[in-house]
Amino acid sequence: MFSIVYITTGSMEEAKLIARRLVKEKLVACVNMFPVTSIYRWDGVREDNEVAMIIKTTYEQLENIEIMVKEMHSYTVPCIISFSIDGGSRDYLDWIDDCVLPVRRIRKDDIPKDIIST
């Protein structure tokens, strides 16, 4: 029922833009952001400073989160992966449930163009 979503972005500014939108739209309860160094394969081996996002939400909102993040994200293929939460503080999980709206599928047209990152 609950999930952690892990996303990386190219900057703190981009991460905050995405996080604020996800929280405002009540797709997620909370987003933690912190700098990371990533080594990965994309047109060869690369190393970059990125910002990692750890997002607390419900399983039912995963598709909506992916749609919104892909529309706002600067990467061609953004890292968007999820992990099931198997347990935790019941009070905290209830708080996530209270913060996140029941699922309503969003479409790309639902996302105002002024919040989409270029």
Protein backbone atom coordinates (compact mmCIF):
# COMPACT_ATOMS: atom_id res chain seq x y z
CA MET A 1 0.00 0.00 0.00
CA PHE A 2 2.91 2.39 0.71
CA SER A 3 5.97 3.05 -1.44
CA ILE A 4 9.28 4.84 -1.50
CA VAL A 5 10.13 6.39 -4.87
CA TYR A 6 13.76 7.14 -5.70
CA ILE A 7 14.49 9.77 -8.36
CA THR A 8 17.67 11.58 -9.36
CA THR A 9 17.82 15.05 -10.90
CA GLY A 10 20.54 17.27 -12.30
CA SER A 11 20.20 20.04 -9.71
CA MET A 12 18.65 20.96 -6.38
CA GLU A 13 16.52 23.56 -8.16
CA GLU A 14 15.01 20.89 -10.41
CA ALA A 15 14.49 18.51 -7.46
CA LYS A 16 12.71 21.22 -5.46
CA LEU A 17 10.49 22.14 -8.42
CA ILE A 18 9.42 18.51 -8.83
CA ALA A 19 9.04 17.95 -5.07
CA ARG A 20 6.88 21.03 -4.53
CA ARG A 21 4.58 20.03 -7.38
CA LEU A 22 4.20 16.44 -6.16
CA VAL A 23 3.43 17.58 -2.61
CA LYS A 24 1.09 20.37 -3.79
CA GLU A 25 -0.88 17.93 -5.95
CA LYS A 26 -1.07 15.53 -2.96
CA LEU A 27 0.55 12.72 -4.94
CA VAL A 28 3.16 12.33 -2.18
CA ALA A 29 3.43 13.07 1.53
CA CYS A 30 7.11 14.02 1.76
CA VAL A 31 10.27 14.38 -0.32
CA ASN A 32 13.82 14.28 1.04
CA MET A 33 16.57 15.64 -1.24
CA PHE A 34 20.34 15.36 -0.94
CA PRO A 35 23.42 15.61 -3.19
CA VAL A 36 24.96 12.41 -4.60
CA THR A 37 27.73 11.52 -7.03
CA SER A 38 26.64 9.10 -9.73
CA ILE A 39 28.79 6.99 -12.03
CA TYR A 40 26.75 5.52 -14.86
CA ARG A 41 26.75 4.43 -18.47
CA TRP A 42 25.22 6.91 -20.95
CA ASP A 43 27.15 7.38 -24.20
CA GLY A 44 30.14 5.88 -22.37
CA VAL A 45 30.95 5.96 -18.68
CA ARG A 46 30.12 9.26 -17.00
CA GLU A 47 30.36 10.77 -13.53
CA ASP A 48 28.10 13.60 -12.41
CA ASN A 49 26.87 15.36 -9.30
CA GLU A 50 23.13 14.85 -8.96
CA VAL A 51 20.39 15.31 -6.40
CA ALA A 52 18.65 12.20 -5.09
CA MET A 53 15.02 12.35 -4.04
CA ILE A 54 13.41 9.92 -1.61
CA ILE A 55 9.65 10.20 -1.84
CA LYS A 56 7.03 8.75 0.51
CA THR A 57 3.69 7.94 -1.08
CA THR A 58 1.09 5.26 -1.70
CA TYR A 59 1.44 2.46 -4.22
CA GLU A 60 -1.69 3.69 -6.00
CA GLN A 61 -0.06 7.02 -6.95
CA LEU A 62 3.06 5.55 -8.61
CA GLU A 63 1.76 5.88 -12.17
CA ASN A 64 0.69 9.50 -11.60
CA ILE A 65 4.08 10.34 -10.08
CA GLU A 66 5.88 8.85 -13.08
CA ILE A 67 3.73 10.82 -15.54
CA MET A 68 4.30 14.13 -13.74
CA VAL A 69 8.02 13.59 -13.18
CA LYS A 70 8.63 12.64 -16.83
CA GLU A 71 6.87 15.81 -17.96
CA MET A 72 8.91 18.03 -15.61
CA HIS A 73 12.30 16.29 -15.70
CA SER A 74 15.26 17.49 -17.76
CA TYR A 75 16.67 13.98 -18.42
CA THR A 76 15.68 11.93 -21.47
CA VAL A 77 15.40 8.81 -19.29
CA PRO A 78 15.03 9.87 -15.65
CA CYS A 79 15.67 7.41 -12.83
CA ILE A 80 12.23 6.71 -11.34
CA ILE A 81 12.12 3.52 -9.29
CA SER A 82 9.93 2.43 -6.41
CA PHE A 83 10.26 0.16 -3.41
CA SER A 84 7.41 -1.26 -1.36
CA ILE A 85 7.29 -0.27 2.30
CA ASP A 86 6.84 -3.53 4.18
CA GLY A 87 6.51 -1.99 7.61
CA GLY A 88 7.13 1.05 9.74
CA SER A 89 5.62 3.28 12.36
CA ARG A 90 1.84 2.93 12.09
CA ASP A 91 1.49 6.62 12.99
CA TYR A 92 3.85 7.62 10.16
CA LEU A 93 2.15 5.36 7.62
CA ASP A 94 -1.24 6.77 8.66
CA TRP A 95 0.19 10.27 8.13
CA ILE A 96 1.29 9.33 4.58
CA ASP A 97 -2.18 7.94 3.91
CA ASP A 98 -3.80 11.15 5.21
CA CYS A 99 -1.55 13.38 3.05
CA VAL A 100 -1.91 11.54 -0.27
CA LEU A 101 -5.11 11.79 -2.26
CA PRO A 102 -6.99 8.70 -3.32
CA VAL A 103 -5.88 7.77 -6.82
CA ARG A 104 -7.13 9.78 -9.77
CA ARG A 105 -5.27 9.14 -12.99
CA ILE A 106 -3.65 12.28 -14.37
CA ARG A 107 -2.87 13.01 -17.99
CA LYS A 108 -0.06 15.08 -19.43
CA ASP A 109 -2.65 17.75 -20.29
CA ASP A 110 -3.42 18.09 -16.55
CA ILE A 111 0.07 19.49 -15.90
CA PRO A 112 0.27 23.27 -16.41
CA LYS A 113 3.01 24.10 -18.92
CA ASP A 114 4.46 26.82 -16.66
CA ILE A 115 5.73 24.18 -14.21
CA ILE A 116 7.39 21.95 -16.79
CA SER A 117 11.18 22.22 -16.67
CA THR A 118 13.03 22.84 -19.91
